[in-house]
Amino acid sequence: MDNKGYVMGLFSFILILPVFLMIMIAVNMVAGGAGIQQTRLNSHEVFSVADDLETNIPLIGREVLRDKSEEVIRTGNPLSDSRKEIKDEFQDRMNKWCLKYASGDIRAECKILTVDNSPDPFKVEVKSSINVEKGTLKHQVNLSQNISLINESYPIPDPLSFVKCKGYGGATIIGNRIYYDSSLVNYLKSRGINNSKAYENATSSLYIKKCPYNPYTLHGNGGSLVNLKNCIDNGFYHESSDGACFLCRLEGKSVCPHYGMETFIVPAPSVTLPSSNNSSAHAVSALDHVIFDDTDPGTYFGHIMVYFNNDTHYFYLYLDDSHREKYGLPPHD
């Protein structure tokens, strides 16, 4: 090949080189675009799993709270450390929940860090840590969520009465109320409480439901006591600095250092009423934390107060003056 041929070959190579370069760039762009697209897909999947876990933590937690309460009700035995036992059960269920993501090459972990009181006594606070990985992508988030005890389609029962009345005949459940039969009388008698017979066949609410009357003085609104009757008929609970929180109720405590709740324990309706001068017109005040408080002087008395009369029976409570004032009810004469 002469010099002219070499020159032509070199010139042809120079002309073809940009084509090769353009092809290589195009290939890299396609590969890079595919990589970016895959990264986006992986990122979406990782965040989707994290969001799913965040959404289901309160739902699974509510199941644990209900199941633990039903366990205490069934056995009558309180939990020794409700926060730890709920946390351990909660963690076990979250571990099982995370396994369902393994088939998609996702590594998901949810650590339940603490289960404790919320400033709102009708909620339980849970703190957790979520970690989700796929390939080189990692997502981690720390959460603090409140689990509501109030849910009409998924109600949570109050276990306190079943712990306190175990060994005294036991309380029973009919519908959405607790029936004490003679168990509450026997419990109060064992503590030497006067006029314990006033609570023969008493009842109280089974499920924790927050009272809608706010402020609470509306219970005595207008002096008709219709709001009080509606509250009792529906078995509502009220915020209370004296009543026990839900987690301590699982431990069989009627009072605790936390901001808690209280509800009325209602005597059976009567065809007659005792005279106001009769000793039977006095009995333990109707709040559950007063009746079940076995510390001294935790249990104190109230005077009888009729809140409804249907022409055949009187419906009444025993209430002390401080709780009458709290609920806007007339003081004892």
C-alpha atoms as a PDB file:
ATOM      1  CA  MET A   1       0.000   0.000   0.000  1.00  0.00           C
ATOM      2  CA  ASP A   2       1.445   3.373  -0.994  1.00  0.00           C
ATOM      3  CA  ASN A   3       1.292   6.535   1.049  1.00  0.00           C
ATOM      4  CA  LYS A   4      -1.886   7.562  -0.651  1.00  0.00           C
ATOM      5  CA  GLY A   5      -3.584   4.399   0.583  1.00  0.00           C
ATOM      6  CA  TYR A   6      -2.436   4.999   4.159  1.00  0.00           C
ATOM      7  CA  VAL A   7      -3.770   8.488   4.049  1.00  0.00           C
ATOM      8  CA  MET A   8      -7.138   7.288   2.763  1.00  0.00           C
ATOM      9  CA  GLY A   9      -7.314   4.561   5.464  1.00  0.00           C
ATOM     10  CA  LEU A  10      -6.504   7.044   8.208  1.00  0.00           C
ATOM     11  CA  PHE A  11      -9.021   9.476   6.838  1.00  0.00           C
ATOM     12  CA  SER A  12     -11.709   6.760   6.746  1.00  0.00           C
ATOM     13  CA  PHE A  13     -10.941   5.804  10.388  1.00  0.00           C
ATOM     14  CA  ILE A  14     -11.244   9.424  11.457  1.00  0.00           C
ATOM     15  CA  LEU A  15     -14.623   9.612   9.746  1.00  0.00           C
ATOM     16  CA  ILE A  16     -15.866   6.395  11.361  1.00  0.00           C
ATOM     17  CA  LEU A  17     -14.565   7.187  14.897  1.00  0.00           C
ATOM     18  CA  PRO A  18     -17.326   9.659  15.786  1.00  0.00           C
ATOM     19  CA  VAL A  19     -19.895   7.038  14.826  1.00  0.00           C
ATOM     20  CA  PHE A  20     -18.332   4.541  17.272  1.00  0.00           C
ATOM     21  CA  LEU A  21     -18.204   7.192  19.939  1.00  0.00           C
ATOM     22  CA  MET A  22     -21.846   8.085  19.416  1.00  0.00           C
ATOM     23  CA  ILE A  23     -22.806   4.409  19.600  1.00  0.00           C
ATOM     24  CA  MET A  24     -20.858   3.973  22.856  1.00  0.00           C
ATOM     25  CA  ILE A  25     -22.452   7.086  24.355  1.00  0.00           C
ATOM     26  CA  ALA A  26     -25.885   5.866  23.328  1.00  0.00           C
ATOM     27  CA  VAL A  27     -25.255   2.455  24.907  1.00  0.00           C
ATOM     28  CA  ASN A  28     -24.047   4.084  28.134  1.00  0.00           C
ATOM     29  CA  MET A  29     -27.042   6.374  28.192  1.00  0.00           C
ATOM     30  CA  VAL A  30     -29.402   3.440  27.755  1.00  0.00           C
ATOM     31  CA  ALA A  31     -27.632   1.483  30.472  1.00  0.00           C
ATOM     32  CA  GLY A  32     -27.528   4.528  32.735  1.00  0.00           C
ATOM     33  CA  GLY A  33     -31.179   5.242  32.108  1.00  0.00           C
ATOM     34  CA  ALA A  34     -32.061   1.659  32.944  1.00  0.00           C
ATOM     35  CA  GLY A  35     -30.012   1.937  36.119  1.00  0.00           C
ATOM     36  CA  ILE A  36     -31.744   5.171  37.099  1.00  0.00           C
ATOM     37  CA  GLN A  37     -35.124   3.630  36.368  1.00  0.00           C
ATOM     38  CA  GLN A  38     -34.281   0.574  38.488  1.00  0.00           C
ATOM     39  CA  THR A  39     -33.063   2.823  41.303  1.00  0.00           C
ATOM     40  CA  ARG A  40     -36.318   4.719  41.155  1.00  0.00           C
ATOM     41  CA  LEU A  41     -38.302   1.481  41.262  1.00  0.00           C
ATOM     42  CA  ASN A  42     -36.291   0.193  44.209  1.00  0.00           C
ATOM     43  CA  SER A  43     -36.616   3.513  46.007  1.00  0.00           C
ATOM     44  CA  HIS A  44     -40.386   3.509  45.517  1.00  0.00           C
ATOM     45  CA  GLU A  45     -40.622  -0.034  46.849  1.00  0.00           C
ATOM     46  CA  VAL A  46     -38.487   0.742  49.898  1.00  0.00           C
ATOM     47  CA  PHE A  47     -40.562   3.808  50.814  1.00  0.00           C
ATOM     48  CA  SER A  48     -43.785   1.910  50.149  1.00  0.00           C
ATOM     49  CA  VAL A  49     -42.788  -0.812  52.611  1.00  0.00           C
ATOM     50  CA  ALA A  50     -41.791   1.790  55.219  1.00  0.00           C
ATOM     51  CA  ASP A  51     -45.143   3.559  54.797  1.00  0.00           C
ATOM     52  CA  ASP A  52     -46.982   0.245  55.105  1.00  0.00           C
ATOM     53  CA  LEU A  53     -45.200  -0.512  58.362  1.00  0.00           C
ATOM     54  CA  GLU A  54     -45.894   2.957  59.729  1.00  0.00           C
ATOM     55  CA  THR A  55     -49.593   2.594  58.914  1.00  0.00           C
ATOM     56  CA  ASN A  56     -49.933  -0.863  60.468  1.00  0.00           C
ATOM     57  CA  ILE A  57     -48.058  -0.246  63.731  1.00  0.00           C
ATOM     58  CA  PRO A  58     -51.090   1.376  65.468  1.00  0.00           C
ATOM     59  CA  LEU A  59     -53.447  -1.272  64.059  1.00  0.00           C
ATOM     60  CA  ILE A  60     -51.341  -4.194  65.246  1.00  0.00           C
ATOM     61  CA  GLY A  61     -50.733  -2.411  68.543  1.00  0.00           C
ATOM     62  CA  ARG A  62     -54.471  -2.056  69.135  1.00  0.00           C
ATOM     63  CA  GLU A  63     -54.867  -5.790  68.563  1.00  0.00           C
ATOM     64  CA  VAL A  64     -52.207  -6.472  71.197  1.00  0.00           C
ATOM     65  CA  LEU A  65     -53.872  -4.133  73.721  1.00  0.00           C
ATOM     66  CA  ARG A  66     -57.266  -5.756  73.204  1.00  0.00           C
ATOM     67  CA  ASP A  67     -55.881  -9.292  73.352  1.00  0.00           C
ATOM     68  CA  LYS A  68     -53.970  -8.580  76.565  1.00  0.00           C
ATOM     69  CA  SER A  69     -57.055  -7.045  78.158  1.00  0.00           C
ATOM     70  CA  GLU A  70     -59.192 -10.024  77.152  1.00  0.00           C
ATOM     71  CA  GLU A  71     -56.541 -12.344  78.592  1.00  0.00           C
ATOM     72  CA  VAL A  72     -56.746 -10.565  81.964  1.00  0.00           C
ATOM     73  CA  ILE A  73     -60.551 -10.654  81.853  1.00  0.00           C
ATOM     74  CA  ARG A  74     -60.564 -14.373  81.027  1.00  0.00           C
ATOM     75  CA  THR A  75     -58.128 -15.379  83.782  1.00  0.00           C
ATOM     76  CA  GLY A  76     -58.673 -12.657  86.358  1.00  0.00           C
ATOM     77  CA  ASN A  77     -54.890 -12.492  86.697  1.00  0.00           C
ATOM     78  CA  PRO A  78     -53.252  -9.071  86.279  1.00  0.00           C
ATOM     79  CA  LEU A  79     -50.160  -8.508  84.154  1.00  0.00           C
ATOM     80  CA  SER A  80     -47.035  -8.134  86.267  1.00  0.00           C
ATOM     81  CA  ASP A  81     -45.483  -5.527  83.950  1.00  0.00           C
ATOM     82  CA  SER A  82     -47.972  -4.436  81.310  1.00  0.00           C
ATOM     83  CA  ARG A  83     -45.565  -2.188  79.427  1.00  0.00           C
ATOM     84  CA  LYS A  84     -42.954  -4.919  78.999  1.00  0.00           C
ATOM     85  CA  GLU A  85     -45.429  -7.707  78.229  1.00  0.00           C
ATOM     86  CA  ILE A  86     -47.228  -5.607  75.629  1.00  0.00           C
ATOM     87  CA  LYS A  87     -43.916  -4.498  74.114  1.00  0.00           C
ATOM     88  CA  ASP A  88     -42.685  -8.108  73.830  1.00  0.00           C
ATOM     89  CA  GLU A  89     -45.913  -9.334  72.233  1.00  0.00           C
ATOM     90  CA  PHE A  90     -45.998  -6.293  69.960  1.00  0.00           C
ATOM     91  CA  GLN A  91     -42.422  -6.996  68.828  1.00  0.00           C
ATOM     92  CA  ASP A  92     -43.214 -10.632  68.080  1.00  0.00           C
ATOM     93  CA  ARG A  93     -46.142  -9.665  65.863  1.00  0.00           C
ATOM     94  CA  MET A  94     -44.128  -7.006  64.042  1.00  0.00           C
ATOM     95  CA  ASN A  95     -41.379  -9.546  63.368  1.00  0.00           C
ATOM     96  CA  LYS A  96     -43.923 -11.831  61.736  1.00  0.00           C
ATOM     97  CA  TRP A  97     -45.389  -8.935  59.781  1.00  0.00           C
ATOM     98  CA  CYS A  98     -41.956  -7.983  58.392  1.00  0.00           C
ATOM     99  CA  LEU A  99     -41.401 -11.508  57.053  1.00  0.00           C
ATOM    100  CA  LYS A 100     -43.984 -10.994  54.337  1.00  0.00           C
ATOM    101  CA  TYR A 101     -41.638  -8.592  52.518  1.00  0.00           C
ATOM    102  CA  ALA A 102     -38.771 -11.100  52.258  1.00  0.00           C
ATOM    103  CA  SER A 103     -40.036 -12.599  48.985  1.00  0.00           C
ATOM    104  CA  GLY A 104     -39.431  -9.273  47.228  1.00  0.00           C
ATOM    105  CA  ASP A 105     -35.758  -9.067  48.235  1.00  0.00           C
ATOM    106  CA  ILE A 106     -36.737  -6.471  50.811  1.00  0.00           C
ATOM    107  CA  ARG A 107     -35.105  -6.552  54.226  1.00  0.00           C
ATOM    108  CA  ALA A 108     -37.566  -4.932  56.625  1.00  0.00           C
ATOM    109  CA  GLU A 109     -37.258  -4.542  60.385  1.00  0.00           C
ATOM    110  CA  CYS A 110     -39.451  -2.782  62.909  1.00  0.00           C
ATOM    111  CA  LYS A 111     -38.147  -2.455  66.464  1.00  0.00           C
ATOM    112  CA  ILE A 112     -40.654  -1.591  69.173  1.00  0.00           C
ATOM    113  CA  LEU A 113     -38.648   0.624  71.498  1.00  0.00           C
ATOM    114  CA  THR A 114     -41.168   1.542  74.204  1.00  0.00           C
ATOM    115  CA  VAL A 115     -44.840   1.194  75.099  1.00  0.00           C
ATOM    116  CA  ASP A 116     -45.971   3.771  77.650  1.00  0.00           C
ATOM    117  CA  ASN A 117     -48.577   6.318  78.673  1.00  0.00           C
ATOM    118  CA  SER A 118     -49.655   9.145  76.443  1.00  0.00           C
ATOM    119  CA  PRO A 119     -50.618  12.560  77.859  1.00  0.00           C
ATOM    120  CA  ASP A 120     -54.120  11.605  76.677  1.00  0.00           C
ATOM    121  CA  PRO A 121     -55.348   8.750  78.934  1.00  0.00           C
ATOM    122  CA  PHE A 122     -57.424   7.385  76.056  1.00  0.00           C
ATOM    123  CA  LYS A 123     -54.273   6.680  74.052  1.00  0.00           C
ATOM    124  CA  VAL A 124     -51.134   4.585  74.517  1.00  0.00           C
ATOM    125  CA  GLU A 125     -47.831   5.858  73.148  1.00  0.00           C
ATOM    126  CA  VAL A 126     -45.537   3.537  71.192  1.00  0.00           C
ATOM    127  CA  LYS A 127     -42.073   4.463  69.975  1.00  0.00           C
ATOM    128  CA  SER A 128     -40.497   2.408  67.202  1.00  0.00           C
ATOM    129  CA  SER A 129     -37.704   2.319  64.647  1.00  0.00           C
ATOM    130  CA  ILE A 130     -38.255   1.174  61.036  1.00  0.00           C
ATOM    131  CA  ASN A 131     -35.395  -0.008  58.809  1.00  0.00           C
ATOM    132  CA  VAL A 132     -36.002  -1.044  55.184  1.00  0.00           C
ATOM    133  CA  GLU A 133     -33.286  -2.094  52.679  1.00  0.00           C
ATOM    134  CA  LYS A 134     -33.157  -3.291  49.092  1.00  0.00           C
ATOM    135  CA  GLY A 135     -29.842  -3.637  47.340  1.00  0.00           C
ATOM    136  CA  THR A 136     -27.768  -0.596  48.218  1.00  0.00           C
ATOM    137  CA  LEU A 137     -30.805   1.479  49.150  1.00  0.00           C
ATOM    138  CA  LYS A 138     -31.541   1.973  52.853  1.00  0.00           C
ATOM    139  CA  HIS A 139     -34.299   3.872  54.630  1.00  0.00           C
ATOM    140  CA  GLN A 140     -34.535   4.358  58.396  1.00  0.00           C
ATOM    141  CA  VAL A 141     -37.085   6.327  60.411  1.00  0.00           C
ATOM    142  CA  ASN A 142     -37.877   6.717  64.117  1.00  0.00           C
ATOM    143  CA  LEU A 143     -41.548   7.056  65.035  1.00  0.00           C
ATOM    144  CA  SER A 144     -43.635   8.115  68.003  1.00  0.00           C
ATOM    145  CA  GLN A 145     -47.292   7.160  67.531  1.00  0.00           C
ATOM    146  CA  ASN A 146     -50.396   7.094  69.702  1.00  0.00           C
ATOM    147  CA  ILE A 147     -52.694   4.071  69.719  1.00  0.00           C
ATOM    148  CA  SER A 148     -56.266   5.085  70.442  1.00  0.00           C
ATOM    149  CA  LEU A 149     -58.243   3.007  72.924  1.00  0.00           C
ATOM    150  CA  ILE A 150     -61.428   4.358  71.349  1.00  0.00           C
ATOM    151  CA  ASN A 151     -62.775   2.599  68.293  1.00  0.00           C
ATOM    152  CA  GLU A 152     -66.456   1.702  67.906  1.00  0.00           C
ATOM    153  CA  SER A 153     -65.756  -1.123  65.462  1.00  0.00           C
ATOM    154  CA  TYR A 154     -62.837  -2.470  67.529  1.00  0.00           C
ATOM    155  CA  PRO A 155     -63.624  -1.704  71.206  1.00  0.00           C
ATOM    156  CA  ILE A 156     -61.147  -2.442  73.974  1.00  0.00           C
ATOM    157  CA  PRO A 157     -62.542  -3.783  77.282  1.00  0.00           C
ATOM    158  CA  ASP A 158     -61.582  -2.573  80.745  1.00  0.00           C
ATOM    159  CA  PRO A 159     -60.051  -5.460  82.756  1.00  0.00           C
ATOM    160  CA  LEU A 160     -59.914  -3.842  86.224  1.00  0.00           C
ATOM    161  CA  SER A 161     -63.190  -5.189  87.663  1.00  0.00           C
ATOM    162  CA  PHE A 162     -62.345  -8.782  86.752  1.00  0.00           C
ATOM    163  CA  VAL A 163     -59.068  -8.635  88.645  1.00  0.00           C
ATOM    164  CA  LYS A 164     -60.633  -7.063  91.733  1.00  0.00           C
ATOM    165  CA  CYS A 165     -63.644  -9.397  91.862  1.00  0.00           C
ATOM    166  CA  LYS A 166     -61.755 -12.633  91.262  1.00  0.00           C
ATOM    167  CA  GLY A 167     -62.159 -14.795  94.334  1.00  0.00           C
ATOM    168  CA  TYR A 168     -65.373 -13.029  95.383  1.00  0.00           C
ATOM    169  CA  GLY A 169     -67.741 -14.671  92.914  1.00  0.00           C
ATOM    170  CA  GLY A 170     -66.439 -12.974  89.797  1.00  0.00           C
ATOM    171  CA  ALA A 171     -67.994 -10.463  87.447  1.00  0.00           C
ATOM    172  CA  THR A 172     -69.790 -11.540  84.277  1.00  0.00           C
ATOM    173  CA  ILE A 173     -70.356  -9.941  80.880  1.00  0.00           C
ATOM    174  CA  ILE A 174     -73.743  -9.384  79.272  1.00  0.00           C
ATOM    175  CA  GLY A 175     -73.665  -7.371  76.073  1.00  0.00           C
ATOM    176  CA  ASN A 176     -71.493  -4.325  76.610  1.00  0.00           C
ATOM    177  CA  ARG A 177     -71.815  -4.175  80.395  1.00  0.00           C
ATOM    178  CA  ILE A 178     -70.214  -5.804  83.417  1.00  0.00           C
ATOM    179  CA  TYR A 179     -72.605  -7.451  85.889  1.00  0.00           C
ATOM    180  CA  TYR A 180     -71.286  -7.900  89.401  1.00  0.00           C
ATOM    181  CA  ASP A 181     -74.088  -9.991  90.953  1.00  0.00           C
ATOM    182  CA  SER A 182     -72.842 -10.431  94.561  1.00  0.00           C
ATOM    183  CA  SER A 183     -69.116 -10.258  93.785  1.00  0.00           C
ATOM    184  CA  LEU A 184     -68.789  -6.527  94.454  1.00  0.00           C
ATOM    185  CA  VAL A 185     -70.694  -6.852  97.733  1.00  0.00           C
ATOM    186  CA  ASN A 186     -68.405  -9.693  98.793  1.00  0.00           C
ATOM    187  CA  TYR A 187     -65.322  -7.709  97.783  1.00  0.00           C
ATOM    188  CA  LEU A 188     -66.396  -4.652  99.795  1.00  0.00           C
ATOM    189  CA  LYS A 189     -67.400  -6.803 102.788  1.00  0.00           C
ATOM    190  CA  SER A 190     -63.952  -8.396 102.813  1.00  0.00           C
ATOM    191  CA  ARG A 191     -62.526  -4.922 103.330  1.00  0.00           C
ATOM    192  CA  GLY A 192     -64.991  -4.073 106.086  1.00  0.00           C
ATOM    193  CA  ILE A 193     -66.830  -1.421 104.053  1.00  0.00           C
ATOM    194  CA  ASN A 194     -70.192  -0.358 105.512  1.00  0.00           C
ATOM    195  CA  ASN A 195     -73.389  -0.763 103.465  1.00  0.00           C
ATOM    196  CA  SER A 196     -71.655  -2.932 100.877  1.00  0.00           C
ATOM    197  CA  LYS A 197     -75.088  -4.420 100.068  1.00  0.00           C
ATOM    198  CA  ALA A 198     -75.878  -1.196  98.207  1.00  0.00           C
ATOM    199  CA  TYR A 199     -73.892  -2.621  95.295  1.00  0.00           C
ATOM    200  CA  GLU A 200     -75.776  -5.909  94.988  1.00  0.00           C
ATOM    201  CA  ASN A 201     -76.363  -6.532  91.251  1.00  0.00           C
ATOM    202  CA  ALA A 202     -74.498  -3.362  90.292  1.00  0.00           C
ATOM    203  CA  THR A 203     -73.259  -2.827  86.735  1.00  0.00           C
ATOM    204  CA  SER A 204     -70.635  -0.819  84.865  1.00  0.00           C
ATOM    205  CA  SER A 205     -69.324  -0.342  81.347  1.00  0.00           C
ATOM    206  CA  LEU A 206     -67.256  -3.088  79.713  1.00  0.00           C
ATOM    207  CA  TYR A 207     -65.680  -1.079  76.898  1.00  0.00           C
ATOM    208  CA  ILE A 208     -63.653   2.096  77.209  1.00  0.00           C
ATOM    209  CA  LYS A 209     -65.587   4.916  75.544  1.00  0.00           C
ATOM    210  CA  LYS A 210     -64.735   8.573  75.940  1.00  0.00           C
ATOM    211  CA  CYS A 211     -67.529  10.776  77.250  1.00  0.00           C
ATOM    212  CA  PRO A 212     -68.581  13.442  74.715  1.00  0.00           C
ATOM    213  CA  TYR A 213     -69.835  15.894  77.342  1.00  0.00           C
ATOM    214  CA  ASN A 214     -67.101  18.493  77.579  1.00  0.00           C
ATOM    215  CA  PRO A 215     -66.780  20.252  79.938  1.00  0.00           C
ATOM    216  CA  TYR A 216     -67.934  17.581  82.359  1.00  0.00           C
ATOM    217  CA  THR A 217     -70.202  20.032  84.170  1.00  0.00           C
ATOM    218  CA  LEU A 218     -72.615  19.495  81.253  1.00  0.00           C
ATOM    219  CA  HIS A 219     -73.698  16.262  82.973  1.00  0.00           C
ATOM    220  CA  GLY A 220     -75.872  18.406  85.243  1.00  0.00           C
ATOM    221  CA  ASN A 221     -76.880  20.858  82.530  1.00  0.00           C
ATOM    222  CA  GLY A 222     -80.195  22.541  83.302  1.00  0.00           C
ATOM    223  CA  GLY A 223     -80.743  20.384  86.354  1.00  0.00           C
ATOM    224  CA  SER A 224     -82.624  17.705  84.372  1.00  0.00           C
ATOM    225  CA  LEU A 225     -79.756  15.176  84.624  1.00  0.00           C
ATOM    226  CA  VAL A 226     -80.653  13.819  81.178  1.00  0.00           C
ATOM    227  CA  ASN A 227     -76.995  14.097  80.161  1.00  0.00           C
ATOM    228  CA  LEU A 228     -75.940  12.143  83.234  1.00  0.00           C
ATOM    229  CA  LYS A 229     -78.456   9.414  82.388  1.00  0.00           C
ATOM    230  CA  ASN A 230     -77.216   9.254  78.801  1.00  0.00           C
ATOM    231  CA  CYS A 231     -73.619   9.037  80.031  1.00  0.00           C
ATOM    232  CA  ILE A 232     -74.446   6.163  82.383  1.00  0.00           C
ATOM    233  CA  ASP A 233     -76.582   4.334  79.805  1.00  0.00           C
ATOM    234  CA  ASN A 234     -73.704   4.500  77.308  1.00  0.00           C
ATOM    235  CA  GLY A 235     -71.035   3.588  79.848  1.00  0.00           C
ATOM    236  CA  PHE A 236     -68.773   6.533  79.142  1.00  0.00           C
ATOM    237  CA  TYR A 237     -65.351   7.060  80.744  1.00  0.00           C
ATOM    238  CA  HIS A 238     -63.899  10.361  81.915  1.00  0.00           C
ATOM    239  CA  GLU A 239     -60.421  11.777  82.336  1.00  0.00           C
ATOM    240  CA  SER A 240     -59.284  11.664  85.950  1.00  0.00           C
ATOM    241  CA  SER A 241     -56.151  12.541  87.872  1.00  0.00           C
ATOM    242  CA  ASP A 242     -57.229   9.998  90.520  1.00  0.00           C
ATOM    243  CA  GLY A 243     -58.279   7.067  88.330  1.00  0.00           C
ATOM    244  CA  ALA A 244     -55.823   4.544  86.917  1.00  0.00           C
ATOM    245  CA  CYS A 245     -54.497   4.642  83.365  1.00  0.00           C
ATOM    246  CA  PHE A 246     -55.263   1.732  81.041  1.00  0.00           C
ATOM    247  CA  LEU A 247     -51.800   0.148  81.340  1.00  0.00           C
ATOM    248  CA  CYS A 248     -52.059   0.122  85.134  1.00  0.00           C
ATOM    249  CA  ARG A 249     -55.597  -1.270  84.967  1.00  0.00           C
ATOM    250  CA  LEU A 250     -54.071  -4.266  83.196  1.00  0.00           C
ATOM    251  CA  GLU A 251     -51.958  -4.688  86.339  1.00  0.00           C
ATOM    252  CA  GLY A 252     -55.048  -4.625  88.568  1.00  0.00           C
ATOM    253  CA  LYS A 253     -54.442  -1.113  89.907  1.00  0.00           C
ATOM    254  CA  SER A 254     -57.374   1.232  90.499  1.00  0.00           C
ATOM    255  CA  VAL A 255     -55.098   4.204  91.186  1.00  0.00           C
ATOM    256  CA  CYS A 256     -51.664   5.041  89.822  1.00  0.00           C
ATOM    257  CA  PRO A 257     -49.310   8.027  89.449  1.00  0.00           C
ATOM    258  CA  HIS A 258     -50.335   8.566  85.816  1.00  0.00           C
ATOM    259  CA  TYR A 259     -53.143  10.682  84.428  1.00  0.00           C
ATOM    260  CA  GLY A 260     -55.983   8.176  84.083  1.00  0.00           C
ATOM    261  CA  MET A 261     -59.720   7.663  83.762  1.00  0.00           C
ATOM    262  CA  GLU A 262     -62.829   6.874  85.775  1.00  0.00           C
ATOM    263  CA  THR A 263     -66.308   5.508  85.163  1.00  0.00           C
ATOM    264  CA  PHE A 264     -69.456   5.024  87.239  1.00  0.00           C
ATOM    265  CA  ILE A 265     -70.372   1.743  88.898  1.00  0.00           C
ATOM    266  CA  VAL A 266     -74.159   1.874  89.065  1.00  0.00           C
ATOM    267  CA  PRO A 267     -76.352   0.248  91.747  1.00  0.00           C
ATOM    268  CA  ALA A 268     -79.310  -1.812  90.575  1.00  0.00           C
ATOM    269  CA  PRO A 269     -82.557   0.183  90.166  1.00  0.00           C
ATOM    270  CA  SER A 270     -84.889   0.021  93.168  1.00  0.00           C
ATOM    271  CA  VAL A 271     -88.658   0.225  93.606  1.00  0.00           C
ATOM    272  CA  THR A 272     -88.114   2.131  96.857  1.00  0.00           C
ATOM    273  CA  LEU A 273     -85.504   4.513  98.195  1.00  0.00           C
ATOM    274  CA  PRO A 274     -84.149   4.750 101.721  1.00  0.00           C
ATOM    275  CA  SER A 275     -84.809   7.853 103.747  1.00  0.00           C
ATOM    276  CA  SER A 276     -82.046  10.439 103.665  1.00  0.00           C
ATOM    277  CA  ASN A 277     -81.698   9.890 107.412  1.00  0.00           C
ATOM    278  CA  ASN A 278     -81.175   6.159 106.961  1.00  0.00           C
ATOM    279  CA  SER A 279     -77.621   4.808 106.987  1.00  0.00           C
ATOM    280  CA  SER A 280     -78.350   2.978 103.739  1.00  0.00           C
ATOM    281  CA  ALA A 281     -78.574   6.388 102.026  1.00  0.00           C
ATOM    282  CA  HIS A 282     -74.777   6.420 102.280  1.00  0.00           C
ATOM    283  CA  ALA A 283     -72.445   4.079 100.430  1.00  0.00           C
ATOM    284  CA  VAL A 284     -69.072   4.072  98.717  1.00  0.00           C
ATOM    285  CA  SER A 285     -68.938   6.778  96.067  1.00  0.00           C
ATOM    286  CA  ALA A 286     -69.766   5.330  92.650  1.00  0.00           C
ATOM    287  CA  LEU A 287     -66.458   5.966  90.844  1.00  0.00           C
ATOM    288  CA  ASP A 288     -64.559   2.781  90.046  1.00  0.00           C
ATOM    289  CA  HIS A 289     -61.255   4.070  91.433  1.00  0.00           C
ATOM    290  CA  VAL A 290     -62.985   4.883  94.743  1.00  0.00           C
ATOM    291  CA  ILE A 291     -64.729   1.516  95.032  1.00  0.00           C
ATOM    292  CA  PHE A 292     -61.625  -0.502  94.135  1.00  0.00           C
ATOM    293  CA  ASP A 293     -59.063   1.609  95.994  1.00  0.00           C
ATOM    294  CA  ASP A 294     -57.986  -0.628  98.877  1.00  0.00           C
ATOM    295  CA  THR A 295     -55.592   1.965 100.289  1.00  0.00           C
ATOM    296  CA  ASP A 296     -56.477   4.086 103.292  1.00  0.00           C
ATOM    297  CA  PRO A 297     -58.287   6.489 102.977  1.00  0.00           C
ATOM    298  CA  GLY A 298     -58.801   5.752  99.275  1.00  0.00           C
ATOM    299  CA  THR A 299     -62.386   4.544  99.685  1.00  0.00           C
ATOM    300  CA  TYR A 300     -64.815   7.252 100.765  1.00  0.00           C
ATOM    301  CA  PHE A 301     -68.584   7.588 100.888  1.00  0.00           C
ATOM    302  CA  GLY A 302     -71.217   9.496  98.981  1.00  0.00           C
ATOM    303  CA  HIS A 303     -74.896  10.275  99.395  1.00  0.00           C
ATOM    304  CA  ILE A 304     -77.641   8.819  97.277  1.00  0.00           C
ATOM    305  CA  MET A 305     -78.727  10.860  94.234  1.00  0.00           C
ATOM    306  CA  VAL A 306     -81.623   9.889  91.980  1.00  0.00           C
ATOM    307  CA  TYR A 307     -80.987  10.728  88.334  1.00  0.00           C
ATOM    308  CA  PHE A 308     -84.063   9.062  86.782  1.00  0.00           C
ATOM    309  CA  ASN A 309     -87.449   7.637  87.753  1.00  0.00           C
ATOM    310  CA  ASN A 310     -89.590   5.648  85.283  1.00  0.00           C
ATOM    311  CA  ASP A 311     -92.602   5.470  87.661  1.00  0.00           C
ATOM    312  CA  THR A 312     -91.725   1.920  88.749  1.00  0.00           C
ATOM    313  CA  HIS A 313     -88.015   2.132  89.618  1.00  0.00           C
ATOM    314  CA  TYR A 314     -85.546   4.680  90.888  1.00  0.00           C
ATOM    315  CA  PHE A 315     -82.176   4.934  89.147  1.00  0.00           C
ATOM    316  CA  TYR A 316     -79.507   6.421  91.369  1.00  0.00           C
ATOM    317  CA  LEU A 317     -75.849   6.838  92.263  1.00  0.00           C
ATOM    318  CA  TYR A 318     -73.888   7.348  95.432  1.00  0.00           C
ATOM    319  CA  LEU A 319     -71.732  10.439  94.925  1.00  0.00           C
ATOM    320  CA  ASP A 320     -69.490  12.580  97.098  1.00  0.00           C
ATOM    321  CA  ASP A 321     -69.636  16.363  96.800  1.00  0.00           C
ATOM    322  CA  SER A 322     -66.317  16.728  94.968  1.00  0.00           C
ATOM    323  CA  HIS A 323     -67.472  14.474  92.132  1.00  0.00           C
ATOM    324  CA  ARG A 324     -70.879  16.160  92.099  1.00  0.00           C
ATOM    325  CA  GLU A 325     -69.067  19.429  91.530  1.00  0.00           C
ATOM    326  CA  LYS A 326     -66.867  17.891  88.821  1.00  0.00           C
ATOM    327  CA  TYR A 327     -69.925  16.735  86.871  1.00  0.00           C
ATOM    328  CA  GLY A 328     -72.036  19.822  87.498  1.00  0.00           C
ATOM    329  CA  LEU A 329     -74.502  17.927  89.704  1.00  0.00           C
ATOM    330  CA  PRO A 330     -76.435  19.381  92.647  1.00  0.00           C
ATOM    331  CA  PRO A 331     -74.663  19.036  96.031  1.00  0.00           C
ATOM    332  CA  HIS A 332     -76.059  16.886  98.795  1.00  0.00           C
ATOM    333  CA  ASP A 333     -78.675  18.753 100.845  1.00  0.00           C
END
